[in-house]
Amino acid sequence: MIAIIDYGMGNIHSVKKALESQGAKTRIVSKPGEFRSADKVVLPGVGAFSDAMRQLRRSGIGQALDEHIKKGGVLLGICLGMQMLFEKSREAGDVKGLAVLKGRVEKFIDMNGLKVPHIGWNKLDIIDKGCPLFKGLGSREYAYFCHSYYAKAGDEDDVASFTEYGINFASAVYRENVYGVQFHPEKSQNTGLKILNNFIKLC
């Protein structure tokens, strides 16, 4: 069973629909005890980093996610959910994240006429062919993005793909049983569905 975390800031129903289209059994959960038996957990998110982290800590979900990871459970963070895997964000000052991965979240600045937020389709420059999420995909696929902040990984070995938008930023990361994608796989058509299918098949 795949648990989808509902903390009031994610487009959970589109994620649920996309996962189920690939044959997954899912459950939307909002309390720590509701996903302790799940094999895999998805942490989606759209909105403000500080508000999201406050809600995760207040509800006890943050601690439960840490326990899930430490016992070997698989976690996928999507968009804001990926950003919260890092140590801190510049949004609203230095707000602490879940610190599962080393690094911080920075804001895009206007460069060469590029608009912020970064919205729309962009290329994934897949640099880690061994990342299970990208199994069966080409080296340059397209995915759908919607974000004003990006993750700057503290360990380059954690980066599975980069995307160029004024700068090269980490668009997918993974370390052992923890995965994160800055784009929205549930909105990325065949590429996104393949990524979610690969996630479902993870042991």
N, C-alpha and C. Protein backbone atom coordinates (compact mmCIF):
# COMPACT_ATOMS: atom_id res chain seq x y z
N MET A 1 0.84 -1.20 0.00
CA MET A 1 0.00 0.00 0.00
C MET A 1 0.88 1.25 0.00
N ILE A 2 0.47 2.23 -0.79
CA ILE A 2 1.18 3.50 -0.83
C ILE A 2 0.35 4.55 -0.10
N ALA A 3 0.94 5.15 0.92
CA ALA A 3 0.27 6.21 1.68
C ALA A 3 0.61 7.56 1.07
N ILE A 4 -0.40 8.37 0.84
CA ILE A 4 -0.22 9.73 0.32
C ILE A 4 -0.53 10.70 1.46
N ILE A 5 0.47 11.49 1.85
CA ILE A 5 0.33 12.37 3.00
C ILE A 5 -0.52 13.59 2.65
N ASP A 6 -1.58 13.79 3.42
CA ASP A 6 -2.41 14.98 3.28
C ASP A 6 -2.16 15.88 4.49
N TYR A 7 -1.42 16.97 4.28
CA TYR A 7 -1.18 17.92 5.35
C TYR A 7 -1.73 19.29 4.97
N GLY A 8 -2.68 19.28 4.03
CA GLY A 8 -3.39 20.48 3.65
C GLY A 8 -2.72 21.34 2.60
N MET A 9 -1.63 20.83 1.97
CA MET A 9 -0.90 21.67 1.02
C MET A 9 -0.49 20.92 -0.25
N GLY A 10 -1.16 19.87 -0.58
CA GLY A 10 -0.76 19.11 -1.76
C GLY A 10 -1.91 18.82 -2.68
N ASN A 11 -1.60 18.64 -3.97
CA ASN A 11 -2.63 18.23 -4.92
C ASN A 11 -2.75 16.71 -4.88
N ILE A 12 -3.25 16.24 -3.75
CA ILE A 12 -3.20 14.81 -3.44
C ILE A 12 -4.07 13.96 -4.36
N HIS A 13 -5.19 14.49 -4.80
CA HIS A 13 -6.12 13.67 -5.58
C HIS A 13 -5.59 13.37 -6.98
N SER A 14 -4.87 14.31 -7.57
CA SER A 14 -4.28 14.03 -8.88
C SER A 14 -3.13 13.03 -8.75
N VAL A 15 -2.38 13.11 -7.64
CA VAL A 15 -1.33 12.13 -7.38
C VAL A 15 -1.93 10.74 -7.17
N LYS A 16 -2.98 10.69 -6.39
CA LYS A 16 -3.67 9.41 -6.12
C LYS A 16 -4.19 8.79 -7.42
N LYS A 17 -4.82 9.61 -8.25
CA LYS A 17 -5.38 9.11 -9.51
C LYS A 17 -4.29 8.58 -10.43
N ALA A 18 -3.15 9.31 -10.50
CA ALA A 18 -2.05 8.87 -11.36
C ALA A 18 -1.45 7.56 -10.88
N LEU A 19 -1.25 7.41 -9.57
CA LEU A 19 -0.71 6.17 -9.03
C LEU A 19 -1.65 5.00 -9.27
N GLU A 20 -2.93 5.22 -9.07
CA GLU A 20 -3.90 4.14 -9.25
C GLU A 20 -4.04 3.76 -10.72
N SER A 21 -3.78 4.71 -11.63
CA SER A 21 -3.81 4.38 -13.06
C SER A 21 -2.71 3.40 -13.43
N GLN A 22 -1.68 3.32 -12.57
CA GLN A 22 -0.57 2.41 -12.79
C GLN A 22 -0.69 1.13 -11.95
N GLY A 23 -1.85 0.95 -11.34
CA GLY A 23 -2.12 -0.29 -10.61
C GLY A 23 -1.83 -0.27 -9.13
N ALA A 24 -1.50 0.89 -8.58
CA ALA A 24 -1.15 0.96 -7.16
C ALA A 24 -2.39 1.01 -6.28
N LYS A 25 -2.27 0.44 -5.10
CA LYS A 25 -3.28 0.60 -4.06
C LYS A 25 -2.82 1.75 -3.18
N THR A 26 -3.67 2.75 -3.01
CA THR A 26 -3.27 3.95 -2.27
C THR A 26 -4.24 4.25 -1.13
N ARG A 27 -3.74 5.08 -0.23
CA ARG A 27 -4.59 5.57 0.86
C ARG A 27 -4.13 6.97 1.23
N ILE A 28 -5.06 7.90 1.31
CA ILE A 28 -4.74 9.25 1.76
C ILE A 28 -4.76 9.28 3.28
N VAL A 29 -3.67 9.77 3.87
CA VAL A 29 -3.54 9.76 5.33
C VAL A 29 -3.17 11.16 5.83
N SER A 30 -3.59 11.46 7.05
CA SER A 30 -3.31 12.77 7.62
C SER A 30 -2.79 12.70 9.05
N LYS A 31 -2.62 11.47 9.58
CA LYS A 31 -2.11 11.29 10.93
C LYS A 31 -0.96 10.31 10.91
N PRO A 32 0.02 10.49 11.81
CA PRO A 32 1.21 9.62 11.80
C PRO A 32 0.88 8.14 11.87
N GLY A 33 -0.05 7.75 12.72
CA GLY A 33 -0.36 6.34 12.89
C GLY A 33 -0.99 5.69 11.69
N GLU A 34 -1.48 6.50 10.77
CA GLU A 34 -2.20 5.96 9.62
C GLU A 34 -1.29 5.43 8.53
N PHE A 35 0.00 5.77 8.57
CA PHE A 35 0.88 5.28 7.50
C PHE A 35 2.07 4.49 8.01
N ARG A 36 2.08 4.12 9.28
CA ARG A 36 3.22 3.36 9.81
C ARG A 36 3.33 1.97 9.21
N SER A 37 2.23 1.44 8.69
CA SER A 37 2.27 0.10 8.08
C SER A 37 2.46 0.15 6.57
N ALA A 38 2.59 1.35 6.01
CA ALA A 38 2.73 1.49 4.56
C ALA A 38 4.12 1.11 4.10
N ASP A 39 4.21 0.47 2.94
CA ASP A 39 5.50 0.13 2.34
C ASP A 39 6.16 1.36 1.75
N LYS A 40 5.34 2.20 1.14
CA LYS A 40 5.83 3.41 0.48
C LYS A 40 4.97 4.60 0.89
N VAL A 41 5.61 5.76 0.93
CA VAL A 41 4.91 6.99 1.30
C VAL A 41 5.22 8.06 0.25
N VAL A 42 4.21 8.81 -0.15
CA VAL A 42 4.39 9.95 -1.05
C VAL A 42 4.09 11.22 -0.28
N LEU A 43 5.03 12.17 -0.35
CA LEU A 43 4.86 13.47 0.28
C LEU A 43 4.75 14.52 -0.82
N PRO A 44 3.53 14.84 -1.25
CA PRO A 44 3.35 15.87 -2.27
C PRO A 44 3.37 17.25 -1.62
N GLY A 45 3.22 18.29 -2.42
CA GLY A 45 3.17 19.61 -1.80
C GLY A 45 3.17 20.75 -2.79
N VAL A 46 2.34 21.73 -2.51
CA VAL A 46 2.31 22.99 -3.25
C VAL A 46 2.08 24.09 -2.22
N GLY A 47 2.93 25.11 -2.23
CA GLY A 47 2.72 26.20 -1.28
C GLY A 47 3.99 26.63 -0.59
N ALA A 48 3.85 27.18 0.60
CA ALA A 48 4.97 27.77 1.33
C ALA A 48 5.70 26.74 2.19
N PHE A 49 7.01 26.75 2.08
CA PHE A 49 7.87 25.82 2.83
C PHE A 49 7.64 25.93 4.34
N SER A 50 7.63 27.16 4.85
CA SER A 50 7.51 27.36 6.29
C SER A 50 6.17 26.85 6.83
N ASP A 51 5.09 27.12 6.11
CA ASP A 51 3.77 26.64 6.54
C ASP A 51 3.71 25.12 6.52
N ALA A 52 4.30 24.54 5.48
CA ALA A 52 4.28 23.08 5.35
C ALA A 52 5.06 22.41 6.47
N MET A 53 6.26 22.92 6.76
CA MET A 53 7.07 22.33 7.83
C MET A 53 6.39 22.51 9.18
N ARG A 54 5.75 23.64 9.40
CA ARG A 54 5.04 23.86 10.65
C ARG A 54 3.94 22.82 10.84
N GLN A 55 3.23 22.53 9.75
CA GLN A 55 2.15 21.55 9.82
C GLN A 55 2.68 20.14 10.03
N LEU A 56 3.80 19.80 9.38
CA LEU A 56 4.38 18.46 9.55
C LEU A 56 4.83 18.25 10.99
N ARG A 57 5.42 19.27 11.59
CA ARG A 57 5.90 19.14 12.97
C ARG A 57 4.74 19.14 13.96
N ARG A 58 3.77 19.99 13.73
CA ARG A 58 2.62 20.10 14.63
C ARG A 58 1.82 18.80 14.67
N SER A 59 1.69 18.16 13.52
CA SER A 59 0.89 16.94 13.41
C SER A 59 1.64 15.68 13.83
N GLY A 60 2.97 15.78 13.94
CA GLY A 60 3.78 14.59 14.24
C GLY A 60 4.17 13.81 13.01
N ILE A 61 3.72 14.27 11.83
CA ILE A 61 4.03 13.55 10.59
C ILE A 61 5.52 13.58 10.30
N GLY A 62 6.18 14.71 10.60
CA GLY A 62 7.62 14.82 10.35
C GLY A 62 8.40 13.74 11.06
N GLN A 63 8.10 13.51 12.33
CA GLN A 63 8.79 12.47 13.09
C GLN A 63 8.46 11.09 12.55
N ALA A 64 7.20 10.89 12.18
CA ALA A 64 6.79 9.59 11.64
C ALA A 64 7.48 9.30 10.30
N LEU A 65 7.69 10.34 9.49
CA LEU A 65 8.42 10.15 8.23
C LEU A 65 9.85 9.74 8.49
N ASP A 66 10.46 10.36 9.49
CA ASP A 66 11.83 10.00 9.86
C ASP A 66 11.90 8.54 10.28
N GLU A 67 10.94 8.08 11.05
CA GLU A 67 10.89 6.69 11.49
C GLU A 67 10.68 5.76 10.29
N HIS A 68 9.82 6.17 9.37
CA HIS A 68 9.55 5.37 8.17
C HIS A 68 10.83 5.16 7.37
N ILE A 69 11.60 6.23 7.19
CA ILE A 69 12.84 6.16 6.42
C ILE A 69 13.87 5.28 7.12
N LYS A 70 14.01 5.46 8.43
CA LYS A 70 15.02 4.72 9.18
C LYS A 70 14.75 3.21 9.21
N LYS A 71 13.50 2.83 9.10
CA LYS A 71 13.19 1.40 9.10
C LYS A 71 13.23 0.81 7.68
N GLY A 72 13.61 1.64 6.70
CA GLY A 72 13.78 1.15 5.34
C GLY A 72 12.60 1.39 4.42
N GLY A 73 11.60 2.12 4.89
CA GLY A 73 10.45 2.42 4.05
C GLY A 73 10.82 3.39 2.95
N VAL A 74 10.16 3.27 1.81
CA VAL A 74 10.46 4.12 0.65
C VAL A 74 9.64 5.41 0.72
N LEU A 75 10.28 6.52 0.40
CA LEU A 75 9.61 7.82 0.42
C LEU A 75 9.86 8.55 -0.90
N LEU A 76 8.81 9.15 -1.44
CA LEU A 76 8.93 9.99 -2.63
C LEU A 76 8.37 11.37 -2.30
N GLY A 77 9.21 12.40 -2.40
CA GLY A 77 8.77 13.77 -2.23
C GLY A 77 8.55 14.41 -3.59
N ILE A 78 7.42 15.10 -3.76
CA ILE A 78 7.08 15.74 -5.03
C ILE A 78 6.99 17.25 -4.83
N CYS A 79 7.73 18.00 -5.65
CA CYS A 79 7.73 19.46 -5.64
C CYS A 79 8.10 19.99 -4.26
N LEU A 80 7.21 20.65 -3.54
CA LEU A 80 7.52 21.11 -2.19
C LEU A 80 7.90 19.94 -1.30
N GLY A 81 7.31 18.79 -1.56
CA GLY A 81 7.65 17.58 -0.80
C GLY A 81 9.11 17.19 -0.96
N MET A 82 9.67 17.41 -2.15
CA MET A 82 11.11 17.17 -2.35
C MET A 82 11.92 18.21 -1.61
N GLN A 83 11.53 19.48 -1.70
CA GLN A 83 12.29 20.54 -1.06
C GLN A 83 12.40 20.35 0.45
N MET A 84 11.35 19.83 1.06
CA MET A 84 11.36 19.63 2.51
C MET A 84 12.30 18.51 2.95
N LEU A 85 12.80 17.71 2.01
CA LEU A 85 13.76 16.66 2.36
C LEU A 85 15.12 17.25 2.73
N PHE A 86 15.36 18.50 2.36
CA PHE A 86 16.66 19.13 2.60
C PHE A 86 16.74 19.82 3.96
N GLU A 87 17.91 20.33 4.28
CA GLU A 87 18.17 20.84 5.62
C GLU A 87 17.45 22.15 5.93
N LYS A 88 17.36 23.04 4.94
CA LYS A 88 16.72 24.32 5.20
C LYS A 88 16.34 25.00 3.89
N SER A 89 15.49 26.04 4.02
CA SER A 89 15.06 26.81 2.87
C SER A 89 15.25 28.30 3.15
N ARG A 90 15.61 29.05 2.10
CA ARG A 90 15.74 30.50 2.20
C ARG A 90 14.38 31.19 2.24
N GLU A 91 13.34 30.45 1.93
CA GLU A 91 12.00 31.04 1.93
C GLU A 91 11.62 31.48 3.34
N ALA A 92 11.25 32.74 3.51
CA ALA A 92 10.87 33.29 4.82
C ALA A 92 12.01 33.14 5.83
N GLY A 93 13.24 33.36 5.37
CA GLY A 93 14.39 33.18 6.25
C GLY A 93 14.89 31.75 6.18
N ASP A 94 15.81 31.40 7.03
CA ASP A 94 16.35 30.04 7.05
C ASP A 94 15.43 29.12 7.85
N VAL A 95 14.47 28.51 7.15
CA VAL A 95 13.53 27.60 7.79
C VAL A 95 14.07 26.18 7.69
N LYS A 96 14.09 25.47 8.81
CA LYS A 96 14.63 24.11 8.82
C LYS A 96 13.67 23.13 8.15
N GLY A 97 14.27 22.22 7.35
CA GLY A 97 13.51 21.17 6.71
C GLY A 97 13.63 19.86 7.47
N LEU A 98 13.32 18.76 6.80
CA LEU A 98 13.39 17.45 7.43
C LEU A 98 14.83 16.95 7.55
N ALA A 99 15.74 17.54 6.80
CA ALA A 99 17.17 17.22 6.86
C ALA A 99 17.46 15.74 6.57
N VAL A 100 16.70 15.17 5.66
CA VAL A 100 16.98 13.81 5.20
C VAL A 100 18.17 13.83 4.23
N LEU A 101 18.26 14.90 3.44
CA LEU A 101 19.35 15.10 2.50
C LEU A 101 20.10 16.38 2.83
N LYS A 102 21.39 16.41 2.50
CA LYS A 102 22.18 17.62 2.72
C LYS A 102 21.88 18.65 1.64
N GLY A 103 21.83 19.91 2.04
CA GLY A 103 21.62 20.97 1.07
C GLY A 103 20.55 21.94 1.52
N ARG A 104 20.28 22.91 0.67
CA ARG A 104 19.30 23.94 1.02
C ARG A 104 18.46 24.30 -0.20
N VAL A 105 17.40 25.02 0.05
CA VAL A 105 16.48 25.44 -1.00
C VAL A 105 16.64 26.94 -1.23
N GLU A 106 16.86 27.32 -2.49
CA GLU A 106 17.11 28.71 -2.86
C GLU A 106 16.00 29.22 -3.77
N LYS A 107 15.87 30.54 -3.88
CA LYS A 107 14.87 31.16 -4.75
C LYS A 107 15.48 31.47 -6.12
N PHE A 108 14.72 31.21 -7.17
CA PHE A 108 15.13 31.66 -8.49
C PHE A 108 15.18 33.19 -8.51
N ILE A 109 16.14 33.72 -9.24
CA ILE A 109 16.17 35.15 -9.48
C ILE A 109 15.96 35.38 -10.97
N ASP A 110 15.43 36.54 -11.32
CA ASP A 110 15.18 36.84 -12.73
C ASP A 110 16.50 36.96 -13.49
N MET A 111 16.64 36.13 -14.52
CA MET A 111 17.85 36.15 -15.33
C MET A 111 17.46 36.00 -16.80
N ASN A 112 18.00 36.89 -17.63
CA ASN A 112 17.80 36.81 -19.07
C ASN A 112 16.31 36.75 -19.46
N GLY A 113 15.50 37.47 -18.70
CA GLY A 113 14.09 37.55 -19.05
C GLY A 113 13.26 36.36 -18.64
N LEU A 114 13.84 35.40 -17.92
CA LEU A 114 13.09 34.22 -17.48
C LEU A 114 12.14 34.62 -16.35
N LYS A 115 10.93 34.09 -16.41
CA LYS A 115 9.93 34.44 -15.42
C LYS A 115 9.99 33.50 -14.22
N VAL A 116 9.67 34.04 -13.08
CA VAL A 116 9.54 33.27 -11.84
C VAL A 116 8.13 33.48 -11.33
N PRO A 117 7.38 32.40 -11.05
CA PRO A 117 7.83 31.02 -10.98
C PRO A 117 8.12 30.37 -12.34
N HIS A 118 8.88 29.30 -12.26
CA HIS A 118 9.18 28.46 -13.41
C HIS A 118 7.98 27.53 -13.62
N ILE A 119 7.22 27.80 -14.66
CA ILE A 119 6.01 27.02 -14.92
C ILE A 119 6.04 26.48 -16.34
N GLY A 120 5.76 25.19 -16.46
CA GLY A 120 5.64 24.58 -17.78
C GLY A 120 6.58 23.40 -17.98
N TRP A 121 6.69 22.97 -19.24
CA TRP A 121 7.48 21.80 -19.59
C TRP A 121 8.96 22.17 -19.73
N ASN A 122 9.81 21.27 -19.23
CA ASN A 122 11.25 21.47 -19.37
C ASN A 122 11.94 20.11 -19.40
N LYS A 123 13.17 20.13 -19.86
CA LYS A 123 13.91 18.88 -20.03
C LYS A 123 14.52 18.39 -18.72
N LEU A 124 14.55 17.07 -18.59
CA LEU A 124 15.29 16.41 -17.51
C LEU A 124 16.59 15.90 -18.10
N ASP A 125 17.69 16.42 -17.60
CA ASP A 125 19.00 15.93 -18.02
C ASP A 125 19.40 14.85 -17.03
N ILE A 126 19.08 13.61 -17.36
CA ILE A 126 19.29 12.49 -16.44
C ILE A 126 20.76 12.12 -16.40
N ILE A 127 21.39 12.32 -15.25
CA ILE A 127 22.82 12.06 -15.13
C ILE A 127 23.11 10.75 -14.40
N ASP A 128 22.14 10.23 -13.67
CA ASP A 128 22.34 8.98 -12.94
C ASP A 128 21.47 7.90 -13.57
N LYS A 129 22.06 7.13 -14.46
CA LYS A 129 21.32 6.09 -15.16
C LYS A 129 20.88 4.97 -14.23
N GLY A 130 21.47 4.94 -13.04
CA GLY A 130 21.12 3.89 -12.09
C GLY A 130 19.96 4.23 -11.20
N CYS A 131 19.42 5.45 -11.31
CA CYS A 131 18.28 5.83 -10.48
C CYS A 131 17.06 5.01 -10.88
N PRO A 132 16.48 4.24 -9.96
CA PRO A 132 15.36 3.37 -10.32
C PRO A 132 14.15 4.10 -10.88
N LEU A 133 13.95 5.35 -10.51
CA LEU A 133 12.80 6.10 -11.02
C LEU A 133 12.86 6.31 -12.52
N PHE A 134 14.09 6.33 -13.07
CA PHE A 134 14.28 6.63 -14.49
C PHE A 134 14.48 5.39 -15.35
N LYS A 135 14.24 4.23 -14.79
CA LYS A 135 14.43 2.99 -15.54
C LYS A 135 13.52 2.99 -16.78
N GLY A 136 14.11 2.72 -17.93
CA GLY A 136 13.35 2.64 -19.17
C GLY A 136 13.12 3.97 -19.86
N LEU A 137 13.69 5.05 -19.32
CA LEU A 137 13.54 6.37 -19.92
C LEU A 137 14.81 6.79 -20.64
N GLY A 138 14.69 7.73 -21.56
CA GLY A 138 15.86 8.25 -22.25
C GLY A 138 16.62 9.23 -21.37
N SER A 139 17.73 9.73 -21.87
CA SER A 139 18.58 10.61 -21.06
C SER A 139 18.03 12.03 -20.97
N ARG A 140 17.14 12.41 -21.91
CA ARG A 140 16.56 13.76 -21.87
C ARG A 140 15.05 13.66 -22.12
N GLU A 141 14.32 13.57 -21.03
CA GLU A 141 12.86 13.52 -21.08
C GLU A 141 12.30 14.88 -20.67
N TYR A 142 11.02 15.09 -20.94
CA TYR A 142 10.36 16.33 -20.55
C TYR A 142 9.41 16.08 -19.38
N ALA A 143 9.34 17.05 -18.46
CA ALA A 143 8.42 16.96 -17.32
C ALA A 143 7.82 18.34 -17.06
N TYR A 144 6.75 18.36 -16.28
CA TYR A 144 6.03 19.60 -16.01
C TYR A 144 6.43 20.16 -14.64
N PHE A 145 6.79 21.44 -14.63
CA PHE A 145 7.26 22.12 -13.41
C PHE A 145 6.34 23.28 -13.03
N CYS A 146 6.33 23.59 -11.73
CA CYS A 146 5.64 24.78 -11.23
C CYS A 146 6.26 25.13 -9.87
N HIS A 147 7.28 26.02 -9.87
CA HIS A 147 7.97 26.33 -8.62
C HIS A 147 8.77 27.61 -8.73
N SER A 148 8.96 28.26 -7.59
CA SER A 148 9.77 29.48 -7.50
C SER A 148 11.10 29.23 -6.79
N TYR A 149 11.20 28.10 -6.12
CA TYR A 149 12.41 27.75 -5.37
C TYR A 149 12.96 26.43 -5.91
N TYR A 150 14.25 26.21 -5.70
CA TYR A 150 14.89 25.00 -6.19
C TYR A 150 15.86 24.48 -5.13
N ALA A 151 16.13 23.20 -5.19
CA ALA A 151 17.04 22.58 -4.23
C ALA A 151 18.48 22.63 -4.73
N LYS A 152 19.36 23.05 -3.85
CA LYS A 152 20.80 23.03 -4.12
C LYS A 152 21.39 21.94 -3.23
N ALA A 153 21.63 20.79 -3.82
CA ALA A 153 22.07 19.62 -3.05
C ALA A 153 23.46 19.83 -2.48
N GLY A 154 23.64 19.41 -1.23
CA GLY A 154 24.94 19.49 -0.59
C GLY A 154 25.87 18.38 -1.00
N ASP A 155 25.31 17.30 -1.54
CA ASP A 155 26.08 16.16 -2.01
C ASP A 155 25.66 15.87 -3.44
N GLU A 156 26.55 16.09 -4.39
CA GLU A 156 26.21 15.91 -5.80
C GLU A 156 25.85 14.47 -6.13
N ASP A 157 26.31 13.52 -5.32
CA ASP A 157 25.96 12.12 -5.54
C ASP A 157 24.47 11.86 -5.35
N ASP A 158 23.76 12.78 -4.68
CA ASP A 158 22.33 12.61 -4.46
C ASP A 158 21.49 13.06 -5.67
N VAL A 159 22.11 13.73 -6.62
CA VAL A 159 21.38 14.30 -7.76
C VAL A 159 21.25 13.27 -8.88
N ALA A 160 20.00 12.99 -9.28
CA ALA A 160 19.75 12.04 -10.36
C ALA A 160 19.52 12.74 -11.69
N SER A 161 19.01 13.97 -11.66
CA SER A 161 18.82 14.73 -12.89
C SER A 161 18.91 16.22 -12.61
N PHE A 162 19.36 16.95 -13.61
CA PHE A 162 19.37 18.40 -13.58
C PHE A 162 18.38 18.92 -14.61
N THR A 163 17.93 20.15 -14.40
CA THR A 163 17.13 20.87 -15.39
C THR A 163 17.67 22.28 -15.47
N GLU A 164 17.70 22.83 -16.69
CA GLU A 164 18.24 24.17 -16.89
C GLU A 164 17.11 25.20 -16.95
N TYR A 165 17.21 26.19 -16.07
CA TYR A 165 16.30 27.34 -16.11
C TYR A 165 17.07 28.55 -15.57
N GLY A 166 17.89 29.12 -16.43
CA GLY A 166 18.81 30.17 -15.98
C GLY A 166 20.04 29.59 -15.34
N ILE A 167 19.84 28.59 -14.50
CA ILE A 167 20.90 27.81 -13.87
C ILE A 167 20.55 26.34 -14.02
N ASN A 168 21.49 25.47 -13.74
CA ASN A 168 21.20 24.04 -13.65
C ASN A 168 20.81 23.72 -12.21
N PHE A 169 19.59 23.24 -12.01
CA PHE A 169 19.16 22.89 -10.66
C PHE A 169 18.79 21.41 -10.60
N ALA A 170 18.83 20.86 -9.40
CA ALA A 170 18.50 19.45 -9.20
C ALA A 170 17.00 19.24 -9.39
N SER A 171 16.63 18.50 -10.43
CA SER A 171 15.21 18.23 -10.66
C SER A 171 14.78 16.87 -10.14
N ALA A 172 15.73 16.02 -9.78
CA ALA A 172 15.43 14.74 -9.13
C ALA A 172 16.62 14.33 -8.28
N VAL A 173 16.32 13.77 -7.12
CA VAL A 173 17.36 13.33 -6.20
C VAL A 173 17.00 11.96 -5.63
N TYR A 174 18.01 11.24 -5.22
CA TYR A 174 17.71 10.02 -4.45
C TYR A 174 18.93 9.57 -3.68
N ARG A 175 18.65 8.99 -2.55
CA ARG A 175 19.67 8.36 -1.72
C ARG A 175 19.03 7.17 -1.01
N GLU A 176 19.51 5.98 -1.35
CA GLU A 176 18.99 4.74 -0.78
C GLU A 176 17.48 4.63 -0.97
N ASN A 177 16.69 4.75 0.08
CA ASN A 177 15.24 4.56 -0.02
C ASN A 177 14.46 5.88 -0.09
N VAL A 178 15.16 6.99 -0.29
CA VAL A 178 14.53 8.31 -0.34
C VAL A 178 14.67 8.91 -1.73
N TYR A 179 13.55 9.35 -2.30
CA TYR A 179 13.51 9.91 -3.64
C TYR A 179 12.79 11.26 -3.62
N GLY A 180 13.18 12.14 -4.52
CA GLY A 180 12.50 13.42 -4.64
C GLY A 180 12.52 13.90 -6.07
N VAL A 181 11.41 14.48 -6.50
CA VAL A 181 11.33 15.08 -7.84
C VAL A 181 10.76 16.48 -7.71
N GLN A 182 11.41 17.46 -8.34
CA GLN A 182 10.92 18.83 -8.28
C GLN A 182 9.72 19.04 -9.20
N PHE A 183 9.65 18.26 -10.26
CA PHE A 183 8.54 18.35 -11.21
C PHE A 183 7.33 17.57 -10.69
N HIS A 184 6.24 17.67 -11.42
CA HIS A 184 5.01 16.97 -11.05
C HIS A 184 4.82 15.76 -11.98
N PRO A 185 5.17 14.56 -11.54
CA PRO A 185 5.00 13.39 -12.41
C PRO A 185 3.54 13.14 -12.76
N GLU A 186 2.63 13.50 -11.87
CA GLU A 186 1.20 13.29 -12.12
C GLU A 186 0.68 14.19 -13.23
N LYS A 187 1.47 15.21 -13.62
CA LYS A 187 1.08 16.12 -14.70
C LYS A 187 2.00 16.00 -15.91
N SER A 188 2.91 15.02 -15.87
CA SER A 188 3.95 14.91 -16.90
C SER A 188 3.69 13.81 -17.92
N GLN A 189 2.43 13.48 -18.12
CA GLN A 189 2.00 12.55 -19.15
C GLN A 189 2.77 11.23 -19.09
N ASN A 190 3.19 10.70 -20.24
CA ASN A 190 3.78 9.36 -20.27
C ASN A 190 5.07 9.27 -19.46
N THR A 191 5.90 10.31 -19.50
CA THR A 191 7.15 10.29 -18.73
C THR A 191 6.84 10.21 -17.24
N GLY A 192 5.91 11.02 -16.78
CA GLY A 192 5.55 11.02 -15.36
C GLY A 192 4.93 9.72 -14.92
N LEU A 193 4.07 9.16 -15.75
CA LEU A 193 3.44 7.89 -15.40
C LEU A 193 4.46 6.76 -15.34
N LYS A 194 5.46 6.80 -16.23
CA LYS A 194 6.52 5.79 -16.19
C LYS A 194 7.31 5.91 -14.88
N ILE A 195 7.60 7.13 -14.48
CA ILE A 195 8.32 7.36 -13.23
C ILE A 195 7.51 6.83 -12.04
N LEU A 196 6.22 7.10 -12.02
CA LEU A 196 5.37 6.61 -10.94
C LEU A 196 5.27 5.09 -10.97
N ASN A 197 5.22 4.50 -12.16
CA ASN A 197 5.19 3.05 -12.28
C ASN A 197 6.47 2.44 -11.73
N ASN A 198 7.61 3.08 -12.02
CA ASN A 198 8.89 2.61 -11.47
C ASN A 198 8.90 2.72 -9.95
N PHE A 199 8.32 3.80 -9.43
CA PHE A 199 8.23 3.98 -7.98
C PHE A 199 7.39 2.86 -7.35
N ILE A 200 6.28 2.54 -7.96
CA ILE A 200 5.40 1.49 -7.44
C ILE A 200 6.13 0.16 -7.34
N LYS A 201 7.02 -0.10 -8.29
CA LYS A 201 7.72 -1.39 -8.37
C LYS A 201 8.94 -1.48 -7.45
N LEU A 202 9.30 -0.37 -6.79
CA LEU A 202 10.45 -0.41 -5.90
C LEU A 202 10.20 -1.37 -4.75
N CYS A 203 11.25 -2.09 -4.35
CA CYS A 203 11.12 -3.01 -3.22
C CYS A 203 11.19 -2.23 -1.90
